[in-house]
Amino acid sequence: MRKLTYYVGVSLDGFIAGPGGEIDFYPVSDDHVASMVEQYPEVLPTHLRRALGVDDRPNRRFDTVVMGWDTYRPALELGIGSPYAHLRQVVASRTRSPDDPAVEHTTDALATVRDLKGEQGADVWLAGGGGLARSLVDEIDELVVKVYPVLAGAGIGVLGGEFSPRAFRLTDSRTFDSGAVVLSYARER
């Protein structure tokens, strides 16, 4: 069975983006980018993979990305209808549907993720956002959290929701020159 991995960046105070979806305040160092390229090349949007010269690098972990509309929208604003063309792309939204035929749409993220996890293939990357992650929290098998050394003060929370603890076990940690720390956790089932 495939795993659902929530791979996400977060501020020290638990925000994945600013109130308007901003993410440009996260400091990223060269060693962090190199690590992403080596370990998770598939999380880089297709246009960045080309710019970094890793377009021919095979996917290592994921063959599918699931994202909410607010995670998908910035690509649309850049005129990119298929931001992760190297992956199967699924946008979860109850109100809007992507126009690009390379991007699948679902109004039932939970049923879709359960179906995806039952299929053959590599793991599934949950790209966000916080509301979508909250609706899928019981399906998340792994967390890869990039903790950036910055306080956002307000914005979109990493998960939110009601108090309902779920245990995870630390499986890896890495520190980068920017002060960012990447923590990997497996769900305790």
N, C-alpha and C. Protein backbone atom coordinates (compact mmCIF):
# COMPACT_ATOMS: atom_id res chain seq x y z
N MET A 1 0.84 -1.18 0.00
CA MET A 1 0.00 0.00 0.00
C MET A 1 0.88 1.24 0.00
N ARG A 2 0.49 2.22 -0.81
CA ARG A 2 1.24 3.48 -0.89
C ARG A 2 1.00 4.33 0.35
N LYS A 3 2.01 5.14 0.69
CA LYS A 3 1.89 6.04 1.84
C LYS A 3 1.48 7.42 1.36
N LEU A 4 0.78 8.14 2.23
CA LEU A 4 0.51 9.55 2.03
C LEU A 4 1.49 10.32 2.91
N THR A 5 2.31 11.16 2.28
CA THR A 5 3.31 11.94 2.98
C THR A 5 2.97 13.42 2.88
N TYR A 6 2.81 14.05 4.02
CA TYR A 6 2.60 15.49 4.08
C TYR A 6 3.98 16.12 4.16
N TYR A 7 4.47 16.63 3.04
CA TYR A 7 5.77 17.27 2.91
C TYR A 7 5.49 18.76 2.87
N VAL A 8 5.92 19.49 3.92
CA VAL A 8 5.46 20.86 4.07
C VAL A 8 6.50 21.71 4.79
N GLY A 9 6.55 22.98 4.42
CA GLY A 9 7.38 23.94 5.13
C GLY A 9 6.54 24.66 6.16
N VAL A 10 7.16 25.02 7.29
CA VAL A 10 6.42 25.65 8.37
C VAL A 10 7.32 26.63 9.12
N SER A 11 6.73 27.73 9.58
CA SER A 11 7.45 28.68 10.41
C SER A 11 7.55 28.13 11.84
N LEU A 12 8.36 28.76 12.66
CA LEU A 12 8.50 28.33 14.05
C LEU A 12 7.18 28.38 14.82
N ASP A 13 6.28 29.27 14.38
CA ASP A 13 5.00 29.39 15.07
C ASP A 13 3.86 28.65 14.36
N GLY A 14 4.21 27.72 13.46
CA GLY A 14 3.23 26.79 12.92
C GLY A 14 2.45 27.22 11.70
N PHE A 15 2.98 28.18 10.92
CA PHE A 15 2.28 28.62 9.71
C PHE A 15 3.00 28.13 8.46
N ILE A 16 2.21 27.62 7.50
CA ILE A 16 2.80 27.15 6.24
C ILE A 16 2.89 28.27 5.22
N ALA A 17 2.15 29.34 5.45
CA ALA A 17 2.17 30.50 4.55
C ALA A 17 1.60 31.69 5.30
N GLY A 18 1.84 32.87 4.76
CA GLY A 18 1.28 34.08 5.34
C GLY A 18 -0.21 34.16 5.06
N PRO A 19 -0.87 35.19 5.55
CA PRO A 19 -2.32 35.34 5.37
C PRO A 19 -2.76 35.37 3.90
N GLY A 20 -1.89 35.88 3.03
CA GLY A 20 -2.20 35.93 1.60
C GLY A 20 -1.54 34.82 0.81
N GLY A 21 -1.06 33.77 1.49
CA GLY A 21 -0.40 32.65 0.82
C GLY A 21 1.08 32.86 0.62
N GLU A 22 1.66 33.89 1.20
CA GLU A 22 3.08 34.19 1.01
C GLU A 22 3.96 33.07 1.57
N ILE A 23 5.01 32.73 0.81
CA ILE A 23 6.01 31.78 1.30
C ILE A 23 7.42 32.30 1.06
N ASP A 24 7.53 33.50 0.51
CA ASP A 24 8.84 34.04 0.15
C ASP A 24 9.66 34.51 1.35
N PHE A 25 9.13 34.43 2.55
CA PHE A 25 9.86 34.84 3.74
C PHE A 25 10.69 33.70 4.34
N TYR A 26 10.58 32.50 3.78
CA TYR A 26 11.36 31.37 4.28
C TYR A 26 12.79 31.45 3.74
N PRO A 27 13.80 31.44 4.63
CA PRO A 27 15.19 31.45 4.15
C PRO A 27 15.58 30.05 3.65
N VAL A 28 16.14 29.99 2.46
CA VAL A 28 16.56 28.72 1.88
C VAL A 28 18.02 28.84 1.48
N SER A 29 18.84 27.92 1.96
CA SER A 29 20.27 27.93 1.65
C SER A 29 20.58 26.94 0.53
N ASP A 30 21.76 27.10 -0.06
CA ASP A 30 22.17 26.23 -1.16
C ASP A 30 22.20 24.77 -0.75
N ASP A 31 22.66 24.48 0.48
CA ASP A 31 22.72 23.09 0.91
C ASP A 31 21.33 22.49 1.08
N HIS A 32 20.36 23.32 1.44
CA HIS A 32 18.97 22.85 1.56
C HIS A 32 18.40 22.52 0.18
N VAL A 33 18.63 23.40 -0.79
CA VAL A 33 18.16 23.14 -2.15
C VAL A 33 18.81 21.87 -2.70
N ALA A 34 20.11 21.72 -2.47
CA ALA A 34 20.82 20.52 -2.95
C ALA A 34 20.23 19.27 -2.33
N SER A 35 19.88 19.33 -1.06
CA SER A 35 19.28 18.18 -0.39
C SER A 35 17.90 17.86 -0.99
N MET A 36 17.11 18.90 -1.24
CA MET A 36 15.79 18.68 -1.86
C MET A 36 15.94 18.03 -3.22
N VAL A 37 16.88 18.53 -4.01
CA VAL A 37 17.10 17.97 -5.35
C VAL A 37 17.51 16.51 -5.26
N GLU A 38 18.34 16.18 -4.29
CA GLU A 38 18.81 14.81 -4.14
C GLU A 38 17.75 13.88 -3.57
N GLN A 39 17.06 14.31 -2.51
CA GLN A 39 16.12 13.43 -1.83
C GLN A 39 14.70 13.49 -2.37
N TYR A 40 14.25 14.66 -2.77
CA TYR A 40 12.86 14.86 -3.18
C TYR A 40 12.78 15.67 -4.46
N PRO A 41 13.40 15.23 -5.56
CA PRO A 41 13.37 16.06 -6.77
C PRO A 41 11.96 16.29 -7.30
N GLU A 42 11.05 15.40 -7.00
CA GLU A 42 9.69 15.51 -7.53
C GLU A 42 8.88 16.62 -6.89
N VAL A 43 9.32 17.16 -5.73
CA VAL A 43 8.55 18.24 -5.10
C VAL A 43 8.85 19.60 -5.72
N LEU A 44 9.85 19.65 -6.57
CA LEU A 44 10.14 20.89 -7.29
C LEU A 44 9.20 21.00 -8.49
N PRO A 45 8.54 22.15 -8.65
CA PRO A 45 7.68 22.32 -9.82
C PRO A 45 8.48 22.10 -11.11
N THR A 46 7.81 21.65 -12.13
CA THR A 46 8.46 21.29 -13.38
C THR A 46 9.32 22.43 -13.92
N HIS A 47 8.83 23.67 -13.88
CA HIS A 47 9.62 24.79 -14.42
C HIS A 47 10.89 25.04 -13.60
N LEU A 48 10.87 24.77 -12.30
CA LEU A 48 12.09 24.91 -11.49
C LEU A 48 13.04 23.76 -11.73
N ARG A 49 12.51 22.57 -11.95
CA ARG A 49 13.38 21.43 -12.27
C ARG A 49 14.20 21.74 -13.51
N ARG A 50 13.54 22.33 -14.51
CA ARG A 50 14.26 22.70 -15.74
C ARG A 50 15.33 23.74 -15.44
N ALA A 51 14.97 24.77 -14.67
CA ALA A 51 15.91 25.85 -14.35
C ALA A 51 17.10 25.35 -13.55
N LEU A 52 16.90 24.35 -12.69
CA LEU A 52 17.97 23.80 -11.88
C LEU A 52 18.75 22.69 -12.59
N GLY A 53 18.32 22.35 -13.80
CA GLY A 53 19.01 21.32 -14.56
C GLY A 53 18.77 19.91 -14.07
N VAL A 54 17.66 19.68 -13.39
CA VAL A 54 17.36 18.35 -12.87
C VAL A 54 16.10 17.77 -13.52
N ASP A 55 15.75 18.29 -14.67
CA ASP A 55 14.54 17.85 -15.34
C ASP A 55 14.56 16.37 -15.68
N ASP A 56 15.76 15.83 -15.90
CA ASP A 56 15.86 14.42 -16.26
C ASP A 56 16.04 13.51 -15.04
N ARG A 57 16.09 14.09 -13.85
CA ARG A 57 16.26 13.29 -12.63
C ARG A 57 14.97 12.51 -12.35
N PRO A 58 15.08 11.22 -12.11
CA PRO A 58 13.86 10.44 -11.86
C PRO A 58 13.24 10.78 -10.51
N ASN A 59 11.94 10.59 -10.43
CA ASN A 59 11.26 10.74 -9.16
C ASN A 59 11.76 9.66 -8.21
N ARG A 60 12.00 10.03 -6.97
CA ARG A 60 12.54 9.09 -6.00
C ARG A 60 11.47 8.51 -5.08
N ARG A 61 10.55 9.37 -4.64
CA ARG A 61 9.60 8.96 -3.61
C ARG A 61 8.15 8.96 -4.07
N PHE A 62 7.78 9.95 -4.87
CA PHE A 62 6.38 10.17 -5.19
C PHE A 62 6.12 10.10 -6.69
N ASP A 63 4.92 9.61 -7.04
CA ASP A 63 4.49 9.69 -8.44
C ASP A 63 3.18 10.46 -8.57
N THR A 64 2.64 10.91 -7.42
CA THR A 64 1.36 11.61 -7.39
C THR A 64 1.44 12.74 -6.38
N VAL A 65 0.82 13.87 -6.71
CA VAL A 65 0.70 14.99 -5.78
C VAL A 65 -0.78 15.33 -5.62
N VAL A 66 -1.19 15.55 -4.38
CA VAL A 66 -2.54 16.00 -4.06
C VAL A 66 -2.40 17.37 -3.42
N MET A 67 -3.15 18.34 -3.94
CA MET A 67 -3.07 19.69 -3.40
C MET A 67 -4.45 20.34 -3.41
N GLY A 68 -4.63 21.30 -2.52
CA GLY A 68 -5.85 22.08 -2.50
C GLY A 68 -5.78 23.20 -3.52
N TRP A 69 -6.91 23.87 -3.73
CA TRP A 69 -6.98 24.94 -4.73
C TRP A 69 -6.00 26.06 -4.40
N ASP A 70 -5.88 26.44 -3.14
CA ASP A 70 -5.00 27.56 -2.78
C ASP A 70 -3.53 27.23 -2.98
N THR A 71 -3.17 25.96 -2.96
CA THR A 71 -1.81 25.54 -3.28
C THR A 71 -1.60 25.53 -4.79
N TYR A 72 -2.64 25.21 -5.53
CA TYR A 72 -2.58 25.15 -7.00
C TYR A 72 -2.63 26.56 -7.62
N ARG A 73 -3.38 27.47 -7.02
CA ARG A 73 -3.63 28.80 -7.58
C ARG A 73 -2.38 29.59 -7.95
N PRO A 74 -1.31 29.63 -7.14
CA PRO A 74 -0.13 30.42 -7.53
C PRO A 74 0.46 30.02 -8.88
N ALA A 75 0.41 28.74 -9.21
CA ALA A 75 0.89 28.31 -10.52
C ALA A 75 0.00 28.90 -11.62
N LEU A 76 -1.30 28.86 -11.40
CA LEU A 76 -2.22 29.44 -12.38
C LEU A 76 -1.94 30.92 -12.60
N GLU A 77 -1.63 31.62 -11.51
CA GLU A 77 -1.34 33.05 -11.61
C GLU A 77 -0.07 33.31 -12.41
N LEU A 78 0.80 32.32 -12.51
CA LEU A 78 2.00 32.43 -13.36
C LEU A 78 1.76 31.91 -14.77
N GLY A 79 0.52 31.50 -15.04
CA GLY A 79 0.19 30.96 -16.35
C GLY A 79 0.56 29.50 -16.52
N ILE A 80 0.76 28.80 -15.42
CA ILE A 80 1.15 27.38 -15.45
C ILE A 80 -0.05 26.55 -15.00
N GLY A 81 -0.64 25.81 -15.93
CA GLY A 81 -1.81 25.00 -15.61
C GLY A 81 -1.46 23.63 -15.07
N SER A 82 -0.24 23.17 -15.34
CA SER A 82 0.21 21.85 -14.91
C SER A 82 1.57 22.00 -14.21
N PRO A 83 1.57 22.44 -12.93
CA PRO A 83 2.82 22.78 -12.26
C PRO A 83 3.74 21.59 -11.96
N TYR A 84 3.19 20.42 -11.86
CA TYR A 84 3.98 19.22 -11.58
C TYR A 84 3.75 18.20 -12.69
N ALA A 85 4.10 18.58 -13.89
CA ALA A 85 3.84 17.74 -15.07
C ALA A 85 4.55 16.39 -14.98
N HIS A 86 5.55 16.28 -14.16
CA HIS A 86 6.31 15.03 -13.97
C HIS A 86 5.61 14.09 -12.99
N LEU A 87 4.46 14.50 -12.44
CA LEU A 87 3.69 13.70 -11.50
C LEU A 87 2.24 13.62 -11.96
N ARG A 88 1.52 12.67 -11.43
CA ARG A 88 0.06 12.67 -11.53
C ARG A 88 -0.40 13.75 -10.56
N GLN A 89 -1.22 14.69 -11.03
CA GLN A 89 -1.62 15.84 -10.24
C GLN A 89 -3.11 15.78 -9.94
N VAL A 90 -3.47 15.94 -8.66
CA VAL A 90 -4.87 15.94 -8.26
C VAL A 90 -5.11 17.20 -7.44
N VAL A 91 -6.10 17.99 -7.85
CA VAL A 91 -6.50 19.18 -7.11
C VAL A 91 -7.83 18.89 -6.43
N ALA A 92 -7.85 19.10 -5.12
CA ALA A 92 -9.06 18.89 -4.34
C ALA A 92 -9.74 20.24 -4.12
N SER A 93 -10.95 20.37 -4.61
CA SER A 93 -11.71 21.61 -4.42
C SER A 93 -13.19 21.30 -4.60
N ARG A 94 -13.98 21.86 -3.71
CA ARG A 94 -15.43 21.69 -3.83
C ARG A 94 -16.05 22.77 -4.71
N THR A 95 -15.29 23.82 -5.01
CA THR A 95 -15.88 24.96 -5.72
C THR A 95 -15.28 25.25 -7.09
N ARG A 96 -14.05 24.81 -7.33
CA ARG A 96 -13.39 25.13 -8.60
C ARG A 96 -12.76 23.87 -9.18
N SER A 97 -12.64 23.89 -10.51
CA SER A 97 -12.05 22.75 -11.20
C SER A 97 -10.96 23.24 -12.14
N PRO A 98 -9.78 22.58 -12.16
CA PRO A 98 -8.72 22.98 -13.08
C PRO A 98 -9.15 22.82 -14.53
N ASP A 99 -8.65 23.71 -15.38
CA ASP A 99 -8.95 23.63 -16.82
C ASP A 99 -7.97 22.74 -17.57
N ASP A 100 -6.80 22.53 -17.01
CA ASP A 100 -5.77 21.76 -17.69
C ASP A 100 -6.12 20.27 -17.66
N PRO A 101 -6.15 19.61 -18.81
CA PRO A 101 -6.51 18.18 -18.84
C PRO A 101 -5.49 17.27 -18.15
N ALA A 102 -4.28 17.79 -17.88
CA ALA A 102 -3.26 16.99 -17.20
C ALA A 102 -3.45 16.99 -15.69
N VAL A 103 -4.40 17.79 -15.20
CA VAL A 103 -4.63 17.91 -13.77
C VAL A 103 -6.01 17.35 -13.44
N GLU A 104 -6.02 16.34 -12.59
CA GLU A 104 -7.29 15.73 -12.17
C GLU A 104 -7.95 16.59 -11.10
N HIS A 105 -9.24 16.42 -10.95
CA HIS A 105 -10.01 17.18 -9.96
C HIS A 105 -10.82 16.22 -9.11
N THR A 106 -10.93 16.54 -7.82
CA THR A 106 -11.79 15.78 -6.94
C THR A 106 -12.53 16.73 -6.01
N THR A 107 -13.76 16.39 -5.70
CA THR A 107 -14.51 17.12 -4.68
C THR A 107 -14.53 16.33 -3.38
N ASP A 108 -14.01 15.10 -3.41
CA ASP A 108 -13.97 14.25 -2.23
C ASP A 108 -12.53 13.78 -2.01
N ALA A 109 -11.75 14.63 -1.34
CA ALA A 109 -10.33 14.34 -1.16
C ALA A 109 -10.09 13.06 -0.38
N LEU A 110 -10.90 12.81 0.63
CA LEU A 110 -10.71 11.62 1.46
C LEU A 110 -10.87 10.34 0.64
N ALA A 111 -11.95 10.24 -0.11
CA ALA A 111 -12.18 9.04 -0.94
C ALA A 111 -11.09 8.91 -2.00
N THR A 112 -10.69 10.03 -2.59
CA THR A 112 -9.65 9.99 -3.62
C THR A 112 -8.33 9.51 -3.05
N VAL A 113 -7.94 10.04 -1.89
CA VAL A 113 -6.67 9.62 -1.28
C VAL A 113 -6.72 8.15 -0.89
N ARG A 114 -7.82 7.70 -0.36
CA ARG A 114 -7.93 6.28 -0.02
C ARG A 114 -7.80 5.42 -1.27
N ASP A 115 -8.41 5.83 -2.37
CA ASP A 115 -8.27 5.10 -3.64
C ASP A 115 -6.82 5.11 -4.11
N LEU A 116 -6.18 6.29 -4.06
CA LEU A 116 -4.79 6.41 -4.50
C LEU A 116 -3.87 5.51 -3.69
N LYS A 117 -4.09 5.46 -2.37
CA LYS A 117 -3.25 4.63 -1.52
C LYS A 117 -3.41 3.15 -1.82
N GLY A 118 -4.55 2.76 -2.35
CA GLY A 118 -4.78 1.36 -2.69
C GLY A 118 -4.24 0.96 -4.05
N GLU A 119 -3.82 1.93 -4.85
CA GLU A 119 -3.27 1.64 -6.18
C GLU A 119 -1.80 1.26 -6.08
N GLN A 120 -1.28 0.67 -7.15
CA GLN A 120 0.15 0.38 -7.26
C GLN A 120 0.88 1.67 -7.61
N GLY A 121 2.11 1.77 -7.16
CA GLY A 121 2.92 2.92 -7.52
C GLY A 121 3.74 3.42 -6.36
N ALA A 122 4.37 4.56 -6.59
CA ALA A 122 5.17 5.21 -5.56
C ALA A 122 4.22 5.92 -4.59
N ASP A 123 4.78 6.53 -3.57
CA ASP A 123 3.97 7.20 -2.55
C ASP A 123 3.28 8.44 -3.11
N VAL A 124 2.34 8.95 -2.32
CA VAL A 124 1.54 10.11 -2.68
C VAL A 124 1.99 11.28 -1.81
N TRP A 125 2.27 12.42 -2.45
CA TRP A 125 2.70 13.62 -1.75
C TRP A 125 1.49 14.53 -1.53
N LEU A 126 1.23 14.84 -0.28
CA LEU A 126 0.23 15.83 0.08
C LEU A 126 0.95 17.16 0.17
N ALA A 127 0.66 18.06 -0.78
CA ALA A 127 1.37 19.33 -0.86
C ALA A 127 0.69 20.43 -0.06
N GLY A 128 -0.52 20.26 0.34
CA GLY A 128 -1.21 21.28 1.12
C GLY A 128 -2.47 21.72 0.43
N GLY A 129 -3.11 22.58 1.10
CA GLY A 129 -2.74 23.37 2.26
C GLY A 129 -3.24 22.80 3.56
N GLY A 130 -3.27 23.70 4.54
CA GLY A 130 -3.58 23.31 5.89
C GLY A 130 -4.98 22.73 6.05
N GLY A 131 -5.97 23.31 5.39
CA GLY A 131 -7.33 22.79 5.48
C GLY A 131 -7.46 21.41 4.87
N LEU A 132 -6.80 21.21 3.74
CA LEU A 132 -6.83 19.89 3.10
C LEU A 132 -6.12 18.87 3.99
N ALA A 133 -4.98 19.25 4.54
CA ALA A 133 -4.25 18.33 5.43
C ALA A 133 -5.11 17.97 6.64
N ARG A 134 -5.82 18.94 7.17
CA ARG A 134 -6.70 18.68 8.32
C ARG A 134 -7.76 17.65 7.95
N SER A 135 -8.31 17.74 6.74
CA SER A 135 -9.36 16.80 6.33
C SER A 135 -8.81 15.40 6.07
N LEU A 136 -7.48 15.30 5.86
CA LEU A 136 -6.85 14.02 5.54
C LEU A 136 -5.95 13.50 6.66
N VAL A 137 -6.00 14.11 7.84
CA VAL A 137 -5.04 13.82 8.90
C VAL A 137 -4.98 12.33 9.24
N ASP A 138 -6.09 11.64 9.21
CA ASP A 138 -6.06 10.22 9.56
C ASP A 138 -5.47 9.34 8.46
N GLU A 139 -5.28 9.90 7.27
CA GLU A 139 -4.65 9.16 6.17
C GLU A 139 -3.17 9.44 6.05
N ILE A 140 -2.66 10.44 6.79
CA ILE A 140 -1.24 10.80 6.70
C ILE A 140 -0.40 9.73 7.39
N ASP A 141 0.50 9.13 6.61
CA ASP A 141 1.38 8.07 7.11
C ASP A 141 2.75 8.60 7.51
N GLU A 142 3.13 9.72 6.90
CA GLU A 142 4.47 10.27 7.13
C GLU A 142 4.39 11.79 7.05
N LEU A 143 5.16 12.44 7.91
CA LEU A 143 5.32 13.89 7.87
C LEU A 143 6.78 14.20 7.56
N VAL A 144 7.01 15.08 6.60
CA VAL A 144 8.33 15.65 6.37
C VAL A 144 8.13 17.14 6.52
N VAL A 145 8.60 17.67 7.65
CA VAL A 145 8.34 19.05 8.02
C VAL A 145 9.64 19.85 7.93
N LYS A 146 9.63 20.84 7.05
CA LYS A 146 10.77 21.75 6.93
C LYS A 146 10.48 22.93 7.85
N VAL A 147 11.17 22.99 8.99
CA VAL A 147 10.95 24.05 9.98
C VAL A 147 11.95 25.17 9.69
N TYR A 148 11.41 26.35 9.34
CA TYR A 148 12.25 27.49 9.00
C TYR A 148 12.40 28.41 10.21
N PRO A 149 13.58 28.99 10.41
CA PRO A 149 13.85 29.81 11.59
C PRO A 149 13.27 31.23 11.47
N VAL A 150 11.96 31.29 11.41
CA VAL A 150 11.27 32.57 11.27
C VAL A 150 9.91 32.46 11.94
N LEU A 151 9.48 33.56 12.57
CA LEU A 151 8.13 33.64 13.11
C LEU A 151 7.27 34.40 12.11
N ALA A 152 6.16 33.83 11.71
CA ALA A 152 5.27 34.47 10.74
C ALA A 152 4.27 35.40 11.44
N GLY A 153 3.83 35.03 12.61
CA GLY A 153 2.89 35.85 13.36
C GLY A 153 1.44 35.58 13.03
N ALA A 154 1.15 35.27 11.78
CA ALA A 154 -0.22 34.97 11.34
C ALA A 154 -0.11 34.26 10.00
N GLY A 155 -1.20 33.63 9.60
CA GLY A 155 -1.20 32.98 8.29
C GLY A 155 -2.01 31.71 8.28
N ILE A 156 -1.63 30.83 7.38
CA ILE A 156 -2.31 29.55 7.18
C ILE A 156 -1.61 28.50 8.05
N GLY A 157 -2.36 27.90 8.95
CA GLY A 157 -1.79 26.92 9.87
C GLY A 157 -1.41 25.62 9.18
N VAL A 158 -0.45 24.93 9.76
CA VAL A 158 0.03 23.68 9.20
C VAL A 158 -1.05 22.60 9.19
N LEU A 159 -1.98 22.67 10.12
CA LEU A 159 -3.01 21.64 10.21
C LEU A 159 -4.29 22.18 10.83
N GLY A 160 -4.21 22.58 12.07
CA GLY A 160 -5.40 23.09 12.75
C GLY A 160 -6.40 21.99 13.06
N GLY A 161 -7.59 22.38 13.43
CA GLY A 161 -8.63 21.41 13.73
C GLY A 161 -8.84 21.26 15.22
N GLU A 162 -9.58 20.24 15.56
CA GLU A 162 -9.91 19.97 16.95
C GLU A 162 -8.76 19.23 17.64
N PHE A 163 -8.75 19.32 18.97
CA PHE A 163 -7.76 18.60 19.76
C PHE A 163 -7.99 17.11 19.61
N SER A 164 -7.02 16.42 19.02
CA SER A 164 -7.11 14.99 18.81
C SER A 164 -5.70 14.46 18.53
N PRO A 165 -4.90 14.22 19.57
CA PRO A 165 -3.51 13.83 19.40
C PRO A 165 -3.34 12.56 18.56
N ARG A 166 -2.32 12.58 17.73
CA ARG A 166 -1.93 11.44 16.91
C ARG A 166 -0.42 11.31 17.03
N ALA A 167 0.06 10.13 17.33
CA ALA A 167 1.49 9.92 17.59
C ALA A 167 2.26 9.62 16.32
N PHE A 168 3.45 10.22 16.24
CA PHE A 168 4.40 9.98 15.15
C PHE A 168 5.76 9.72 15.79
N ARG A 169 6.62 8.99 15.06
CA ARG A 169 7.96 8.65 15.53
C ARG A 169 8.99 9.31 14.63
N LEU A 170 9.96 10.01 15.21
CA LEU A 170 11.02 10.67 14.45
C LEU A 170 11.86 9.61 13.74
N THR A 171 12.04 9.78 12.43
CA THR A 171 12.85 8.85 11.66
C THR A 171 14.10 9.48 11.07
N ASP A 172 14.14 10.82 10.99
CA ASP A 172 15.31 11.50 10.42
C ASP A 172 15.24 12.97 10.77
N SER A 173 16.42 13.60 10.86
CA SER A 173 16.49 15.05 11.02
C SER A 173 17.74 15.56 10.33
N ARG A 174 17.61 16.73 9.72
CA ARG A 174 18.74 17.37 9.04
C ARG A 174 18.69 18.86 9.31
N THR A 175 19.85 19.46 9.50
CA THR A 175 19.96 20.89 9.72
C THR A 175 20.73 21.51 8.57
N PHE A 176 20.32 22.72 8.16
CA PHE A 176 20.93 23.38 7.01
C PHE A 176 21.52 24.73 7.39
N ASP A 177 22.37 25.26 6.52
CA ASP A 177 23.08 26.51 6.80
C ASP A 177 22.14 27.67 7.11
N SER A 178 20.95 27.66 6.57
CA SER A 178 19.98 28.73 6.81
C SER A 178 19.40 28.67 8.21
N GLY A 179 19.63 27.56 8.92
CA GLY A 179 19.01 27.34 10.22
C GLY A 179 17.75 26.51 10.12
N ALA A 180 17.34 26.19 8.90
CA ALA A 180 16.18 25.32 8.71
C ALA A 180 16.52 23.90 9.16
N VAL A 181 15.51 23.22 9.66
CA VAL A 181 15.64 21.83 10.08
C VAL A 181 14.55 21.03 9.38
N VAL A 182 14.91 19.92 8.78
CA VAL A 182 13.93 19.04 8.17
C VAL A 182 13.77 17.81 9.06
N LEU A 183 12.56 17.61 9.52
CA LEU A 183 12.24 16.51 10.43
C LEU A 183 11.30 15.54 9.71
N SER A 184 11.63 14.28 9.76
CA SER A 184 10.78 13.25 9.15
C SER A 184 10.21 12.38 10.26
N TYR A 185 8.91 12.10 10.14
CA TYR A 185 8.20 11.31 11.15
C TYR A 185 7.35 10.26 10.47
N ALA A 186 7.25 9.10 11.09
CA ALA A 186 6.36 8.03 10.63
C ALA A 186 5.21 7.93 11.61
N ARG A 187 4.02 7.67 11.09
CA ARG A 187 2.83 7.52 11.93
C ARG A 187 2.97 6.29 12.80
N GLU A 188 2.67 6.42 14.07
CA GLU A 188 2.60 5.27 14.98
C GLU A 188 1.22 4.69 14.86
N ARG A 189 1.10 3.49 14.34
CA ARG A 189 -0.23 2.88 14.15
C ARG A 189 -0.39 1.71 15.08
